[in-house]
Amino acid sequence: MPSEAFVAAVTEQVGNELAASQQYTQIAVHYDAETLPRLAAFFYAQALEERNHAMMMVRYLLDAGATPALPATPAPVSEFADIVAPVALALEQERRVTEQINGLAGLARQAGDYTSEQFLQWFLKEQVEEVATMSDLLTVVTRARENPLLVEEYLVREAPGGDGADPAAPPVAGGPV
């Protein structure tokens, strides 16, 4: 079983992932209200992905013999100055999550918990992709600030983040058995 410190840190990260899911849902709702359906769909999908990341961590802790108590999450930011602000917030969030996952991997390594360190490898790879996707989207949204429909066209044409299910992803708590 992982150390108590690692279980506590992963449980905290579950809260961070659920907060990210809520923030992405709020961003999706914002874009939906602005009649930008592709941006909305992109962030609804991101919200589900973040929720699944949390459930992957829950499944790992359960499988490792720990029972996490889900932490409360802060309310998401719900007002944005323009079309760029939500994506800038999303990129900032992905960078913060990358630091958090790196910290978890360091904690596992420091404790000699190679099983937990191996579990986190998928998340480390995933964060590189997440930061790159949000960074690219921020560039596009910034360029198209005055014409958001260009972002909609970009999302249809490029479909960032839409590569489908990753067969190497850890199992999700509550997912198929």
C-alpha atoms as a PDB file:
ATOM      1  CA  MET A   1       0.000   0.000   0.000  1.00  0.00           C
ATOM      2  CA  PRO A   2       1.246   3.523  -0.750  1.00  0.00           C
ATOM      3  CA  SER A   3       2.377   5.707   2.150  1.00  0.00           C
ATOM      4  CA  GLU A   4      -0.156   7.798   4.044  1.00  0.00           C
ATOM      5  CA  ALA A   5       1.506  10.925   2.669  1.00  0.00           C
ATOM      6  CA  PHE A   6       1.105   9.675  -0.901  1.00  0.00           C
ATOM      7  CA  VAL A   7      -2.532   8.682  -0.350  1.00  0.00           C
ATOM      8  CA  ALA A   8      -3.241  12.131   1.109  1.00  0.00           C
ATOM      9  CA  ALA A   9      -1.492  13.852  -1.809  1.00  0.00           C
ATOM     10  CA  VAL A  10      -3.336  11.786  -4.434  1.00  0.00           C
ATOM     11  CA  THR A  11      -6.625  12.407  -2.632  1.00  0.00           C
ATOM     12  CA  GLU A  12      -5.887  16.133  -2.798  1.00  0.00           C
ATOM     13  CA  GLN A  13      -5.127  15.714  -6.511  1.00  0.00           C
ATOM     14  CA  VAL A  14      -8.493  13.998  -6.974  1.00  0.00           C
ATOM     15  CA  GLY A  15     -10.012  17.240  -5.683  1.00  0.00           C
ATOM     16  CA  ASN A  16      -7.841  19.248  -8.069  1.00  0.00           C
ATOM     17  CA  GLU A  17      -8.978  17.117 -11.004  1.00  0.00           C
ATOM     18  CA  LEU A  18     -12.638  17.461 -10.005  1.00  0.00           C
ATOM     19  CA  ALA A  19     -12.168  21.240  -9.668  1.00  0.00           C
ATOM     20  CA  ALA A  20     -10.622  21.271 -13.153  1.00  0.00           C
ATOM     21  CA  SER A  21     -13.646  19.358 -14.431  1.00  0.00           C
ATOM     22  CA  GLN A  22     -15.987  21.937 -12.910  1.00  0.00           C
ATOM     23  CA  GLN A  23     -13.947  24.792 -14.353  1.00  0.00           C
ATOM     24  CA  TYR A  24     -14.024  23.244 -17.809  1.00  0.00           C
ATOM     25  CA  THR A  25     -17.769  22.714 -17.501  1.00  0.00           C
ATOM     26  CA  GLN A  26     -18.183  26.387 -16.599  1.00  0.00           C
ATOM     27  CA  ILE A  27     -16.035  27.420 -19.570  1.00  0.00           C
ATOM     28  CA  ALA A  28     -18.153  25.175 -21.818  1.00  0.00           C
ATOM     29  CA  VAL A  29     -21.336  26.762 -20.473  1.00  0.00           C
ATOM     30  CA  HIS A  30     -19.857  30.203 -21.152  1.00  0.00           C
ATOM     31  CA  TYR A  31     -19.081  29.334 -24.774  1.00  0.00           C
ATOM     32  CA  ASP A  32     -22.458  27.607 -25.151  1.00  0.00           C
ATOM     33  CA  ALA A  33     -24.178  30.809 -24.007  1.00  0.00           C
ATOM     34  CA  GLU A  34     -22.112  32.730 -26.567  1.00  0.00           C
ATOM     35  CA  THR A  35     -23.365  30.375 -29.323  1.00  0.00           C
ATOM     36  CA  LEU A  36     -19.922  28.937 -29.965  1.00  0.00           C
ATOM     37  CA  PRO A  37     -20.859  25.251 -30.081  1.00  0.00           C
ATOM     38  CA  ARG A  38     -17.442  23.846 -31.070  1.00  0.00           C
ATOM     39  CA  LEU A  39     -15.658  25.652 -28.239  1.00  0.00           C
ATOM     40  CA  ALA A  40     -18.420  24.525 -25.897  1.00  0.00           C
ATOM     41  CA  ALA A  41     -18.143  20.894 -27.069  1.00  0.00           C
ATOM     42  CA  PHE A  42     -14.341  20.991 -26.738  1.00  0.00           C
ATOM     43  CA  PHE A  43     -14.582  22.118 -23.110  1.00  0.00           C
ATOM     44  CA  TYR A  44     -17.457  19.764 -22.246  1.00  0.00           C
ATOM     45  CA  ALA A  45     -15.188  16.943 -23.450  1.00  0.00           C
ATOM     46  CA  GLN A  46     -12.279  18.347 -21.438  1.00  0.00           C
ATOM     47  CA  ALA A  47     -14.502  18.421 -18.345  1.00  0.00           C
ATOM     48  CA  LEU A  48     -15.327  14.743 -18.766  1.00  0.00           C
ATOM     49  CA  GLU A  49     -11.655  13.930 -19.294  1.00  0.00           C
ATOM     50  CA  GLU A  50     -10.672  15.700 -16.049  1.00  0.00           C
ATOM     51  CA  ARG A  51     -13.428  13.894 -14.166  1.00  0.00           C
ATOM     52  CA  ASN A  52     -12.107  10.613 -15.530  1.00  0.00           C
ATOM     53  CA  HIS A  53      -8.592  11.524 -14.408  1.00  0.00           C
ATOM     54  CA  ALA A  54      -9.966  11.932 -10.886  1.00  0.00           C
ATOM     55  CA  MET A  55     -11.725   8.578 -11.130  1.00  0.00           C
ATOM     56  CA  MET A  56      -8.538   6.897 -12.383  1.00  0.00           C
ATOM     57  CA  MET A  57      -6.821   8.120  -9.235  1.00  0.00           C
ATOM     58  CA  VAL A  58      -9.718   6.948  -7.069  1.00  0.00           C
ATOM     59  CA  ARG A  59      -9.557   3.485  -8.720  1.00  0.00           C
ATOM     60  CA  TYR A  60      -5.796   3.322  -8.104  1.00  0.00           C
ATOM     61  CA  LEU A  61      -6.192   4.201  -4.440  1.00  0.00           C
ATOM     62  CA  LEU A  62      -9.002   1.668  -4.007  1.00  0.00           C
ATOM     63  CA  ASP A  63      -6.952  -1.027  -5.750  1.00  0.00           C
ATOM     64  CA  ALA A  64      -3.986  -0.154  -3.514  1.00  0.00           C
ATOM     65  CA  GLY A  65      -6.078  -0.650  -0.368  1.00  0.00           C
ATOM     66  CA  ALA A  66      -6.808   2.998   0.477  1.00  0.00           C
ATOM     67  CA  THR A  67     -10.238   4.604   0.691  1.00  0.00           C
ATOM     68  CA  PRO A  68     -10.063   8.249  -0.343  1.00  0.00           C
ATOM     69  CA  ALA A  69     -12.437  10.849   1.092  1.00  0.00           C
ATOM     70  CA  LEU A  70     -13.253  13.214  -1.760  1.00  0.00           C
ATOM     71  CA  PRO A  71     -12.350  16.800  -0.901  1.00  0.00           C
ATOM     72  CA  ALA A  72     -14.567  19.825  -1.518  1.00  0.00           C
ATOM     73  CA  THR A  73     -13.716  21.964  -4.520  1.00  0.00           C
ATOM     74  CA  PRO A  74     -13.793  25.742  -4.910  1.00  0.00           C
ATOM     75  CA  ALA A  75     -16.374  27.363  -7.150  1.00  0.00           C
ATOM     76  CA  PRO A  76     -15.161  27.791 -10.730  1.00  0.00           C
ATOM     77  CA  VAL A  77     -14.546  31.171 -12.335  1.00  0.00           C
ATOM     78  CA  SER A  78     -17.731  31.997 -14.202  1.00  0.00           C
ATOM     79  CA  GLU A  79     -17.224  35.458 -15.720  1.00  0.00           C
ATOM     80  CA  PHE A  80     -14.797  36.157 -18.518  1.00  0.00           C
ATOM     81  CA  ALA A  81     -13.715  39.417 -20.141  1.00  0.00           C
ATOM     82  CA  ASP A  82     -13.547  38.064 -23.688  1.00  0.00           C
ATOM     83  CA  ILE A  83     -13.204  34.931 -25.812  1.00  0.00           C
ATOM     84  CA  VAL A  84      -9.517  34.581 -24.879  1.00  0.00           C
ATOM     85  CA  ALA A  85      -9.806  34.647 -21.077  1.00  0.00           C
ATOM     86  CA  PRO A  86     -11.319  31.158 -20.617  1.00  0.00           C
ATOM     87  CA  VAL A  87      -8.617  29.496 -22.713  1.00  0.00           C
ATOM     88  CA  ALA A  88      -5.873  31.445 -20.920  1.00  0.00           C
ATOM     89  CA  LEU A  89      -7.340  30.216 -17.622  1.00  0.00           C
ATOM     90  CA  ALA A  90      -7.427  26.656 -18.979  1.00  0.00           C
ATOM     91  CA  LEU A  91      -3.758  26.805 -19.992  1.00  0.00           C
ATOM     92  CA  GLU A  92      -2.809  28.164 -16.570  1.00  0.00           C
ATOM     93  CA  GLN A  93      -4.785  25.317 -14.993  1.00  0.00           C
ATOM     94  CA  GLU A  94      -3.041  22.674 -17.129  1.00  0.00           C
ATOM     95  CA  ARG A  95       0.367  24.068 -16.211  1.00  0.00           C
ATOM     96  CA  ARG A  96      -0.570  23.952 -12.523  1.00  0.00           C
ATOM     97  CA  VAL A  97      -1.807  20.355 -12.839  1.00  0.00           C
ATOM     98  CA  THR A  98       1.470  19.429 -14.535  1.00  0.00           C
ATOM     99  CA  GLU A  99       3.374  20.754 -11.517  1.00  0.00           C
ATOM    100  CA  GLN A 100       1.043  18.834  -9.197  1.00  0.00           C
ATOM    101  CA  ILE A 101       1.494  15.542 -11.061  1.00  0.00           C
ATOM    102  CA  ASN A 102       5.265  16.067 -11.127  1.00  0.00           C
ATOM    103  CA  GLY A 103       5.119  16.573  -7.355  1.00  0.00           C
ATOM    104  CA  LEU A 104       3.193  13.324  -6.905  1.00  0.00           C
ATOM    105  CA  ALA A 105       5.712  11.434  -9.033  1.00  0.00           C
ATOM    106  CA  GLY A 106       8.544  12.933  -6.979  1.00  0.00           C
ATOM    107  CA  LEU A 107       6.820  11.928  -3.749  1.00  0.00           C
ATOM    108  CA  ALA A 108       6.405   8.347  -4.976  1.00  0.00           C
ATOM    109  CA  ARG A 109      10.017   8.181  -6.116  1.00  0.00           C
ATOM    110  CA  GLN A 110      11.304   9.648  -2.852  1.00  0.00           C
ATOM    111  CA  ALA A 111       9.378   6.983  -0.926  1.00  0.00           C
ATOM    112  CA  GLY A 112      10.663   4.207  -3.199  1.00  0.00           C
ATOM    113  CA  ASP A 113       7.044   3.495  -4.176  1.00  0.00           C
ATOM    114  CA  TYR A 114       7.739   2.297  -7.709  1.00  0.00           C
ATOM    115  CA  THR A 115       4.207   1.043  -8.259  1.00  0.00           C
ATOM    116  CA  SER A 116       2.734   4.487  -7.626  1.00  0.00           C
ATOM    117  CA  GLU A 117       5.483   6.123  -9.660  1.00  0.00           C
ATOM    118  CA  GLN A 118       4.664   3.823 -12.584  1.00  0.00           C
ATOM    119  CA  PHE A 119       0.953   4.623 -12.227  1.00  0.00           C
ATOM    120  CA  LEU A 120       1.742   8.332 -12.580  1.00  0.00           C
ATOM    121  CA  GLN A 121       3.744   7.912 -15.806  1.00  0.00           C
ATOM    122  CA  TRP A 122       0.582   7.986 -17.913  1.00  0.00           C
ATOM    123  CA  PHE A 123      -0.489  11.264 -16.267  1.00  0.00           C
ATOM    124  CA  LEU A 124       2.927  12.829 -16.925  1.00  0.00           C
ATOM    125  CA  LYS A 125       2.616  12.005 -20.631  1.00  0.00           C
ATOM    126  CA  GLU A 126      -0.982  13.215 -20.666  1.00  0.00           C
ATOM    127  CA  GLN A 127      -0.023  16.577 -19.190  1.00  0.00           C
ATOM    128  CA  VAL A 128       2.483  17.246 -21.967  1.00  0.00           C
ATOM    129  CA  GLU A 129      -0.360  16.740 -24.454  1.00  0.00           C
ATOM    130  CA  GLU A 130      -2.822  18.839 -22.430  1.00  0.00           C
ATOM    131  CA  VAL A 131      -0.468  21.813 -22.140  1.00  0.00           C
ATOM    132  CA  ALA A 132       0.376  21.640 -25.856  1.00  0.00           C
ATOM    133  CA  THR A 133      -3.297  21.475 -26.858  1.00  0.00           C
ATOM    134  CA  MET A 134      -4.291  24.426 -24.651  1.00  0.00           C
ATOM    135  CA  SER A 135      -1.265  26.425 -25.747  1.00  0.00           C
ATOM    136  CA  ASP A 136      -2.178  25.932 -29.400  1.00  0.00           C
ATOM    137  CA  LEU A 137      -5.820  26.784 -28.726  1.00  0.00           C
ATOM    138  CA  LEU A 138      -4.797  29.944 -26.876  1.00  0.00           C
ATOM    139  CA  THR A 139      -2.722  31.021 -29.887  1.00  0.00           C
ATOM    140  CA  VAL A 140      -5.667  30.456 -32.226  1.00  0.00           C
ATOM    141  CA  VAL A 141      -8.201  32.166 -29.954  1.00  0.00           C
ATOM    142  CA  THR A 142      -5.894  35.146 -29.487  1.00  0.00           C
ATOM    143  CA  ARG A 143      -5.453  35.536 -33.241  1.00  0.00           C
ATOM    144  CA  ALA A 144      -9.210  35.201 -33.808  1.00  0.00           C
ATOM    145  CA  ARG A 145     -10.270  37.416 -30.892  1.00  0.00           C
ATOM    146  CA  GLU A 146     -12.343  39.647 -33.197  1.00  0.00           C
ATOM    147  CA  ASN A 147     -13.816  36.772 -35.204  1.00  0.00           C
ATOM    148  CA  PRO A 148     -14.623  33.784 -32.935  1.00  0.00           C
ATOM    149  CA  LEU A 149     -16.080  31.844 -35.850  1.00  0.00           C
ATOM    150  CA  LEU A 150     -12.514  31.307 -37.054  1.00  0.00           C
ATOM    151  CA  VAL A 151     -11.893  29.369 -33.826  1.00  0.00           C
ATOM    152  CA  GLU A 152     -14.986  27.295 -34.520  1.00  0.00           C
ATOM    153  CA  GLU A 153     -13.604  26.496 -37.985  1.00  0.00           C
ATOM    154  CA  TYR A 154     -10.217  25.592 -36.498  1.00  0.00           C
ATOM    155  CA  LEU A 155     -11.859  23.168 -34.046  1.00  0.00           C
ATOM    156  CA  VAL A 156     -13.796  21.483 -36.858  1.00  0.00           C
ATOM    157  CA  ARG A 157     -10.713  21.250 -39.062  1.00  0.00           C
ATOM    158  CA  GLU A 158      -8.077  20.274 -36.494  1.00  0.00           C
ATOM    159  CA  ALA A 159     -10.115  18.499 -33.754  1.00  0.00           C
ATOM    160  CA  PRO A 160      -7.431  19.001 -31.064  1.00  0.00           C
ATOM    161  CA  GLY A 161      -7.510  16.506 -28.241  1.00  0.00           C
ATOM    162  CA  GLY A 162      -9.928  14.268 -30.129  1.00  0.00           C
ATOM    163  CA  ASP A 163      -7.727  11.225 -30.633  1.00  0.00           C
ATOM    164  CA  GLY A 164     -10.167   8.879 -28.907  1.00  0.00           C
ATOM    165  CA  ALA A 165      -9.679   6.582 -25.945  1.00  0.00           C
ATOM    166  CA  ASP A 166      -6.126   5.764 -24.912  1.00  0.00           C
ATOM    167  CA  PRO A 167      -5.803   1.993 -24.390  1.00  0.00           C
ATOM    168  CA  ALA A 168      -2.857   2.630 -22.044  1.00  0.00           C
ATOM    169  CA  ALA A 169      -4.951   4.827 -19.719  1.00  0.00           C
ATOM    170  CA  PRO A 170      -5.492   3.592 -16.161  1.00  0.00           C
ATOM    171  CA  PRO A 171      -8.939   2.187 -15.362  1.00  0.00           C
ATOM    172  CA  VAL A 172     -11.638   4.579 -14.125  1.00  0.00           C
ATOM    173  CA  ALA A 173     -13.538   4.000 -10.875  1.00  0.00           C
ATOM    174  CA  GLY A 174     -17.117   3.192 -11.834  1.00  0.00           C
ATOM    175  CA  GLY A 175     -16.030   2.347 -15.381  1.00  0.00           C
ATOM    176  CA  PRO A 176     -16.471  -0.944 -17.197  1.00  0.00           C
ATOM    177  CA  VAL A 177     -15.179  -3.956 -15.336  1.00  0.00           C
END
